[in-house]
């Protein structure tokens, strides 16, 4: 196998930088937070209120409660990818009952939300948003990956006619309007955040398909392709994540049972493409790296669910209640996604590390690096 193919294979292995010497190279040497720890906490609360309130307005959502633990047999937990490398925390639950409930800590509420649309009797054009908290134990812990994950997980009912790339783009534009609005709000409320080092976000996102991105940079692994496009455009939405591209690799591994990445679509100029999902990425001028804010997509139908599970050799999932509900048309068609709360706040508050805006556990090696770089990680 060539070095290029090895690089592309390794790039699919999962999130995180992978070594702490590499993290030390990434984190800025001359960092100074623009807000002190107390000001930061005030700004975090203001940011979260603004984004949640305006997401509800833009997408016609209501806030609902979301589980931290789920029944393992329900099939609603998120496995994040399709290679089995990032597994949930399992534990027996329920003192004094036999057998005890096989429970799991949520990794994301991706599939639970679609089931919840039925519970709350949502109609087309209506949806929900959650303050989702999760644990992902199999992440490499670096400057923007934590074992503790918080997201605005949202889901909205849609019609069969809306299952198009155009509808996906329109929904993304509404979300982007909220993120740009949040930055404008923060710059007004906290003037110290205005700095020449961090230009304001553009009003418009650039949309590009993963297949076109590969055509532009055929010899680069996925993360390097994203870095390259973000040198040209400060903010992008990459469409079609999960389908195997012409180089033999998907842009990124994506689970087979929520986003639809197999449906054939067409580019604006009529070329065949695949996938009804994507990611919002921005260039982070503090870390000088690509920075993912959101992953989202139009969800699978019973046909595309079966097709994707067949491609990934996971047809045994079809026996689970969540998957059965899709096969039996018991839950609505939907579009949904997750917007990283700490990821977004970290970016908007010009921070170098997730640990400045959320409390989690970090290895000593990383804490030592942060201490050397004047990065205040919360305890």
Protein backbone atom coordinates (compact mmCIF):
# COMPACT_ATOMS: atom_id res chain seq x y z
CA UNK A 1 0.00 0.00 0.00
CA UNK A 2 1.38 3.43 -0.95
CA UNK A 3 2.15 6.09 1.66
CA UNK A 4 -0.75 8.15 0.25
CA UNK A 5 -3.23 5.32 0.80
CA UNK A 6 -1.87 4.72 4.31
CA UNK A 7 -2.37 8.41 5.10
CA UNK A 8 -5.94 8.36 3.81
CA UNK A 9 -6.73 5.18 5.76
CA UNK A 10 -5.26 6.61 8.97
CA UNK A 11 -7.25 9.80 8.49
CA UNK A 12 -10.49 7.81 8.91
CA UNK A 13 -9.47 6.33 12.27
CA UNK A 14 -11.25 8.89 14.42
CA UNK A 15 -11.10 12.38 15.87
CA UNK A 16 -8.19 13.95 17.63
CA UNK A 17 -4.59 14.85 16.84
CA UNK A 18 -3.23 11.53 18.21
CA UNK A 19 -0.04 12.56 20.10
CA UNK A 20 0.70 15.22 22.69
CA UNK A 21 3.91 16.40 20.99
CA UNK A 22 1.65 17.21 18.02
CA UNK A 23 -0.79 19.02 20.30
CA UNK A 24 2.12 21.05 21.70
CA UNK A 25 2.92 22.17 18.15
CA UNK A 26 -0.69 23.22 17.54
CA UNK A 27 -1.43 25.27 20.64
CA UNK A 28 -0.30 28.90 20.29
CA UNK A 29 2.92 30.01 21.98
CA UNK A 30 1.84 33.62 22.59
CA UNK A 31 -1.74 33.04 23.77
CA UNK A 32 -3.64 35.48 25.95
CA UNK A 33 -7.34 35.03 26.60
CA UNK A 34 -9.35 38.14 25.73
CA UNK A 35 -11.75 37.46 28.62
CA UNK A 36 -10.78 36.48 32.16
CA UNK A 37 -12.32 33.33 33.69
CA UNK A 38 -15.22 35.22 35.31
CA UNK A 39 -16.03 37.19 32.16
CA UNK A 40 -15.78 33.97 30.19
CA UNK A 41 -18.51 32.33 32.28
CA UNK A 42 -20.83 35.29 31.74
CA UNK A 43 -20.14 35.21 28.01
CA UNK A 44 -20.73 31.44 27.80
CA UNK A 45 -24.19 31.81 29.36
CA UNK A 46 -25.06 34.72 27.05
CA UNK A 47 -23.89 32.81 23.97
CA UNK A 48 -25.90 29.72 24.82
CA UNK A 49 -29.07 31.73 25.44
CA UNK A 50 -28.70 33.59 22.16
CA UNK A 51 -28.05 30.51 20.04
CA UNK A 52 -30.76 28.35 21.59
CA UNK A 53 -33.41 31.10 21.39
CA UNK A 54 -32.57 31.96 17.80
CA UNK A 55 -32.35 28.36 16.62
CA UNK A 56 -35.91 27.96 17.84
CA UNK A 57 -36.98 31.06 15.88
CA UNK A 58 -35.14 30.19 12.66
CA UNK A 59 -36.12 26.52 12.48
CA UNK A 60 -39.47 26.58 14.33
CA UNK A 61 -38.24 24.40 17.21
CA UNK A 62 -39.21 23.94 20.83
CA UNK A 63 -36.78 22.95 23.58
CA UNK A 64 -37.37 19.48 25.04
CA UNK A 65 -35.70 17.33 27.66
CA UNK A 66 -33.21 14.72 26.45
CA UNK A 67 -31.87 11.51 28.05
CA UNK A 68 -28.37 11.05 29.42
CA UNK A 69 -28.85 7.27 29.58
CA UNK A 70 -30.79 4.93 27.26
CA UNK A 71 -31.77 1.28 27.14
CA UNK A 72 -29.11 -0.60 25.17
CA UNK A 73 -31.75 -2.72 23.43
CA UNK A 74 -33.59 0.32 22.05
CA UNK A 75 -30.97 0.94 19.37
CA UNK A 76 -31.22 4.72 19.82
CA UNK A 77 -27.67 5.33 21.03
CA UNK A 78 -25.26 6.85 18.55
CA UNK A 79 -22.27 4.76 17.49
CA UNK A 80 -20.73 7.81 15.73
CA UNK A 81 -19.12 5.85 12.92
CA UNK A 82 -19.40 2.42 11.35
CA UNK A 83 -16.17 0.64 12.26
CA UNK A 84 -17.01 -0.05 15.92
CA UNK A 85 -14.05 1.93 17.24
CA UNK A 86 -16.04 4.32 19.48
CA UNK A 87 -18.33 2.41 21.78
CA UNK A 88 -20.70 3.70 24.51
CA UNK A 89 -20.30 3.13 28.24
CA UNK A 90 -22.45 0.15 29.27
CA UNK A 91 -23.67 -0.51 32.79
CA UNK A 92 -26.40 -2.51 34.59
CA UNK A 93 -29.09 -0.26 36.04
CA UNK A 94 -31.82 -0.75 38.63
CA UNK A 95 -31.14 -1.98 42.15
CA UNK A 96 -33.30 -4.88 43.30
CA UNK A 97 -34.61 -5.95 39.89
CA UNK A 98 -33.66 -9.07 37.98
CA UNK A 99 -32.48 -8.90 35.35
CA UNK A 100 -31.15 -5.37 35.70
CA UNK A 101 -31.63 -2.98 32.78
CA UNK A 102 -28.75 -2.94 30.28
CA UNK A 103 -28.15 0.80 30.08
CA UNK A 104 -25.78 2.98 28.09
CA UNK A 105 -24.53 6.53 28.50
CA UNK A 106 -25.58 8.59 25.50
CA UNK A 107 -22.92 9.41 22.89
CA UNK A 108 -25.34 11.70 21.02
CA UNK A 109 -29.11 12.04 20.77
CA UNK A 110 -29.12 11.67 16.99
CA UNK A 111 -31.55 8.76 16.78
CA UNK A 112 -33.47 9.48 19.98
CA UNK A 113 -34.59 12.84 18.55
CA UNK A 114 -36.30 11.27 15.57
CA UNK A 115 -38.28 9.00 17.87
CA UNK A 116 -39.11 12.03 20.02
CA UNK A 117 -40.73 13.80 17.06
CA UNK A 118 -43.49 11.20 17.25
CA UNK A 119 -43.75 11.46 21.05
CA UNK A 120 -44.36 15.22 20.80
CA UNK A 121 -46.64 14.89 17.75
CA UNK A 122 -44.55 17.20 15.59
CA UNK A 123 -45.90 18.10 12.16
CA UNK A 124 -43.94 18.98 8.97
CA UNK A 125 -42.01 22.18 9.57
CA UNK A 126 -42.03 21.69 13.36
CA UNK A 127 -39.18 20.37 15.44
CA UNK A 128 -37.27 20.20 18.69
CA UNK A 129 -33.92 21.19 20.13
CA UNK A 130 -32.16 19.69 23.15
CA UNK A 131 -29.38 20.63 25.52
CA UNK A 132 -27.63 17.31 24.94
CA UNK A 133 -24.84 16.09 27.25
CA UNK A 134 -22.88 12.95 26.42
CA UNK A 135 -19.73 10.95 27.16
CA UNK A 136 -17.44 9.72 24.40
CA UNK A 137 -14.74 7.70 26.11
CA UNK A 138 -12.86 6.74 22.95
CA UNK A 139 -11.77 10.21 21.83
CA UNK A 140 -8.15 11.29 21.86
CA UNK A 141 -8.23 14.24 24.24
CA UNK A 142 -6.69 17.29 22.60
CA UNK A 143 -7.48 21.00 22.19
CA UNK A 144 -10.91 20.48 20.60
CA UNK A 145 -11.92 16.91 21.53
CA UNK A 146 -13.20 16.04 25.00
CA UNK A 147 -14.67 12.96 26.64
CA UNK A 148 -17.50 15.28 27.73
CA UNK A 149 -19.66 16.46 24.83
CA UNK A 150 -22.40 19.08 24.81
CA UNK A 151 -24.50 19.82 21.74
CA UNK A 152 -27.61 21.57 20.59
CA UNK A 153 -29.13 18.44 19.11
CA UNK A 154 -32.10 19.42 16.93
CA UNK A 155 -34.56 17.59 14.66
CA UNK A 156 -37.39 18.78 12.40
CA UNK A 157 -40.16 16.93 10.54
CA UNK A 158 -40.03 17.18 6.75
CA UNK A 159 -42.01 15.96 3.75
CA UNK A 160 -40.84 13.46 1.10
CA UNK A 161 -40.67 16.30 -1.43
CA UNK A 162 -38.16 18.16 0.74
CA UNK A 163 -35.56 15.38 0.61
CA UNK A 164 -33.28 17.40 -1.67
CA UNK A 165 -29.86 19.05 -1.53
CA UNK A 166 -31.60 22.40 -2.03
CA UNK A 167 -33.63 21.91 1.16
CA UNK A 168 -30.47 20.84 3.00
CA UNK A 169 -28.67 24.01 1.87
CA UNK A 170 -31.59 26.21 2.89
CA UNK A 171 -31.65 24.69 6.38
CA UNK A 172 -27.89 25.14 6.74
CA UNK A 173 -28.24 28.82 5.83
CA UNK A 174 -30.72 29.31 8.69
CA UNK A 175 -28.27 27.72 11.13
CA UNK A 176 -25.40 29.80 9.80
CA UNK A 177 -27.48 32.96 10.26
CA UNK A 178 -27.78 32.10 13.97
CA UNK A 179 -24.03 31.47 14.39
CA UNK A 180 -23.09 34.70 12.60
CA UNK A 181 -25.71 36.55 14.64
CA UNK A 182 -24.23 35.13 17.85
CA UNK A 183 -20.81 36.51 16.92
CA UNK A 184 -22.26 39.95 16.17
CA UNK A 185 -24.11 39.88 19.50
CA UNK A 186 -20.97 38.93 21.44
CA UNK A 187 -18.83 41.59 19.79
CA UNK A 188 -21.37 44.17 20.94
CA UNK A 189 -21.75 42.81 24.47
CA UNK A 190 -18.05 42.01 24.97
CA UNK A 191 -16.01 44.52 22.91
CA UNK A 192 -12.73 42.96 24.07
CA UNK A 193 -13.44 40.07 21.69
CA UNK A 194 -12.83 42.32 18.70
CA UNK A 195 -9.32 41.61 17.44
CA UNK A 196 -7.56 41.89 14.09
CA UNK A 197 -6.36 38.33 14.52
CA UNK A 198 -9.96 37.04 14.27
CA UNK A 199 -11.86 38.49 11.31
CA UNK A 200 -15.66 38.31 11.65
CA UNK A 201 -17.44 35.35 10.14
CA UNK A 202 -18.68 35.82 6.57
CA UNK A 203 -22.40 36.36 6.03
CA UNK A 204 -22.50 33.45 3.56
CA UNK A 205 -21.16 29.92 3.77
CA UNK A 206 -19.45 28.30 0.79
CA UNK A 207 -21.06 24.97 -0.17
CA UNK A 208 -18.88 22.27 -1.70
CA UNK A 209 -19.49 18.59 -2.26
CA UNK A 210 -17.03 16.05 -0.85
CA UNK A 211 -16.62 14.64 -4.36
CA UNK A 212 -15.66 18.05 -5.76
CA UNK A 213 -13.32 18.63 -2.83
CA UNK A 214 -11.51 15.37 -3.64
CA UNK A 215 -11.23 16.44 -7.28
CA UNK A 216 -9.52 19.65 -6.14
CA UNK A 217 -7.09 17.88 -3.79
CA UNK A 218 -6.85 14.23 -4.96
CA UNK A 219 -3.56 13.55 -3.19
CA UNK A 220 -4.51 14.90 0.23
CA UNK A 221 -6.14 12.97 3.11
CA UNK A 222 -9.50 14.27 4.30
CA UNK A 223 -8.36 16.60 7.10
CA UNK A 224 -5.74 18.14 4.84
CA UNK A 225 -8.36 18.66 2.11
CA UNK A 226 -10.52 20.49 4.65
CA UNK A 227 -7.55 22.57 5.74
CA UNK A 228 -6.78 23.46 2.12
CA UNK A 229 -10.31 24.61 1.28
CA UNK A 230 -10.43 26.68 4.47
CA UNK A 231 -7.37 28.57 3.25
CA UNK A 232 -9.56 29.78 0.39
CA UNK A 233 -12.85 30.19 2.26
CA UNK A 234 -13.21 31.03 5.95
CA UNK A 235 -16.38 28.93 6.37
CA UNK A 236 -17.64 25.97 4.34
CA UNK A 237 -20.34 23.33 4.34
CA UNK A 238 -19.11 20.02 2.92
CA UNK A 239 -21.95 17.95 1.44
CA UNK A 240 -22.06 14.18 1.09
CA UNK A 241 -20.13 12.59 3.96
CA UNK A 242 -20.17 8.80 4.16
CA UNK A 243 -20.38 7.72 0.52
CA UNK A 244 -17.24 6.05 -0.83
CA UNK A 245 -15.49 8.50 -3.16
CA UNK A 246 -13.54 7.72 -6.31
CA UNK A 247 -10.29 7.22 -4.37
CA UNK A 248 -11.90 4.33 -2.52
CA UNK A 249 -12.50 6.11 0.80
CA UNK A 250 -15.44 8.06 2.22
CA UNK A 251 -14.71 11.68 3.09
CA UNK A 252 -15.28 10.56 6.69
CA UNK A 253 -16.80 7.53 8.35
CA UNK A 254 -20.45 8.21 9.12
CA UNK A 255 -22.88 5.83 10.85
CA UNK A 256 -25.28 4.04 8.53
CA UNK A 257 -28.54 4.48 10.43
CA UNK A 258 -29.26 8.20 10.71
CA UNK A 259 -27.85 10.50 7.99
CA UNK A 260 -28.66 9.61 4.38
CA UNK A 261 -25.34 9.46 2.53
CA UNK A 262 -26.28 6.96 -0.16
CA UNK A 263 -29.03 8.83 -2.06
CA UNK A 264 -27.95 9.94 -5.53
CA UNK A 265 -28.17 13.68 -6.05
CA UNK A 266 -26.77 16.13 -8.59
CA UNK A 267 -24.42 19.08 -8.46
CA UNK A 268 -25.64 22.51 -9.53
CA UNK A 269 -24.26 21.85 -13.01
CA UNK A 270 -25.93 18.43 -13.23
CA UNK A 271 -23.15 16.00 -12.35
CA UNK A 272 -24.11 12.91 -10.30
CA UNK A 273 -23.29 13.10 -6.59
CA UNK A 274 -24.30 11.24 -3.44
CA UNK A 275 -25.48 12.22 0.01
CA UNK A 276 -27.95 14.47 1.81
CA UNK A 277 -25.79 15.41 4.78
CA UNK A 278 -22.73 17.48 5.65
CA UNK A 279 -20.58 19.43 8.11
CA UNK A 280 -20.03 23.13 8.85
CA UNK A 281 -16.34 23.92 9.24
CA UNK A 282 -14.54 27.21 9.85
CA UNK A 283 -10.92 28.30 9.97
CA UNK A 284 -9.82 28.92 13.55
CA UNK A 285 -7.27 31.77 13.60
CA UNK A 286 -6.30 31.04 17.21
CA UNK A 287 -5.31 27.40 16.69
CA UNK A 288 -4.57 27.86 12.97
CA UNK A 289 -6.58 24.74 12.23
CA UNK A 290 -9.82 23.51 10.74
CA UNK A 291 -12.64 23.72 13.28
CA UNK A 292 -15.87 21.72 12.96
CA UNK A 293 -18.98 23.37 14.40
CA UNK A 294 -21.85 21.18 13.23
CA UNK A 295 -22.74 17.86 11.64
CA UNK A 296 -26.21 17.41 10.18
CA UNK A 297 -28.28 15.78 7.49
CA UNK A 298 -31.53 14.59 6.04
CA UNK A 299 -32.29 11.27 7.71
CA UNK A 300 -32.60 7.83 6.16
CA UNK A 301 -35.81 6.38 4.75
CA UNK A 302 -36.59 2.70 5.18
CA UNK A 303 -35.06 2.07 1.75
CA UNK A 304 -31.82 3.99 2.33
CA UNK A 305 -31.49 2.65 5.88
CA UNK A 306 -31.49 -0.90 4.55
CA UNK A 307 -29.12 0.00 1.72
CA UNK A 308 -26.61 1.70 4.01
CA UNK A 309 -26.70 -1.09 6.59
CA UNK A 310 -26.09 -3.59 3.80
CA UNK A 311 -23.08 -1.59 2.57
CA UNK A 312 -21.64 -1.52 6.10
CA UNK A 313 -22.50 -5.16 6.92
CA UNK A 314 -24.76 -4.14 9.79
CA UNK A 315 -28.12 -5.56 8.72
CA UNK A 316 -28.52 -7.12 12.16
CA UNK A 317 -29.35 -3.61 13.43
CA UNK A 318 -32.72 -3.88 11.68
CA UNK A 319 -34.14 -5.94 14.55
CA UNK A 320 -33.81 -3.03 17.01
CA UNK A 321 -36.87 -0.94 17.92
CA UNK A 322 -35.51 2.31 16.42
CA UNK A 323 -34.75 0.65 13.09
CA UNK A 324 -38.07 -1.20 13.10
CA UNK A 325 -39.86 2.11 13.62
CA UNK A 326 -38.26 3.44 10.42
CA UNK A 327 -39.06 0.27 8.46
CA UNK A 328 -42.71 0.41 9.57
CA UNK A 329 -43.09 4.17 8.90
CA UNK A 330 -43.88 4.74 12.58
CA UNK A 331 -41.66 7.82 12.90
CA UNK A 332 -41.61 10.80 10.55
CA UNK A 333 -39.13 11.75 7.89
CA UNK A 334 -36.81 14.36 9.32
CA UNK A 335 -33.73 16.51 9.04
CA UNK A 336 -31.51 17.12 12.04
CA UNK A 337 -28.08 17.68 13.42
CA UNK A 338 -25.84 18.60 16.28
CA UNK A 339 -24.13 21.93 16.88
CA UNK A 340 -21.24 21.60 19.29
CA UNK A 341 -21.87 23.95 22.20
CA UNK A 342 -18.34 24.11 23.61
CA UNK A 343 -16.85 23.95 20.10
CA UNK A 344 -18.91 26.94 18.98
CA UNK A 345 -18.38 28.91 22.19
CA UNK A 346 -14.64 28.20 22.07
CA UNK A 347 -14.52 29.68 18.58
CA UNK A 348 -16.73 32.70 19.29
CA UNK A 349 -14.85 33.62 22.49
CA UNK A 350 -11.47 33.31 20.71
CA UNK A 351 -10.26 30.49 22.96
CA UNK A 352 -7.41 28.08 22.30
CA UNK A 353 -8.81 25.06 24.14
CA UNK A 354 -12.18 23.44 24.87
CA UNK A 355 -11.22 23.24 28.52
CA UNK A 356 -11.50 27.02 28.78
CA UNK A 357 -15.27 26.86 28.20
CA UNK A 358 -16.28 23.45 29.58
CA UNK A 359 -15.29 21.30 32.55
CA UNK A 360 -13.98 17.82 31.76
CA UNK A 361 -11.03 15.56 32.53
CA UNK A 362 -7.71 16.01 30.76
CA UNK A 363 -4.44 14.05 30.96
CA UNK A 364 -1.52 15.56 32.85
CA UNK A 365 0.49 15.86 29.64
CA UNK A 366 -2.14 18.12 28.12
CA UNK A 367 -2.63 20.17 31.30
CA UNK A 368 1.13 20.76 31.45
CA UNK A 369 1.17 21.99 27.87
CA UNK A 370 -1.75 24.34 28.56
CA UNK A 371 -0.09 25.70 31.70
CA UNK A 372 3.07 26.47 29.72
CA UNK A 373 1.01 28.31 27.08
CA UNK A 374 -1.01 30.44 29.55
CA UNK A 375 -4.21 28.51 28.74
CA UNK A 376 -6.56 28.44 31.75
CA UNK A 377 -8.25 25.00 31.74
CA UNK A 378 -11.27 24.81 34.03
CA UNK A 379 -11.24 22.31 36.93
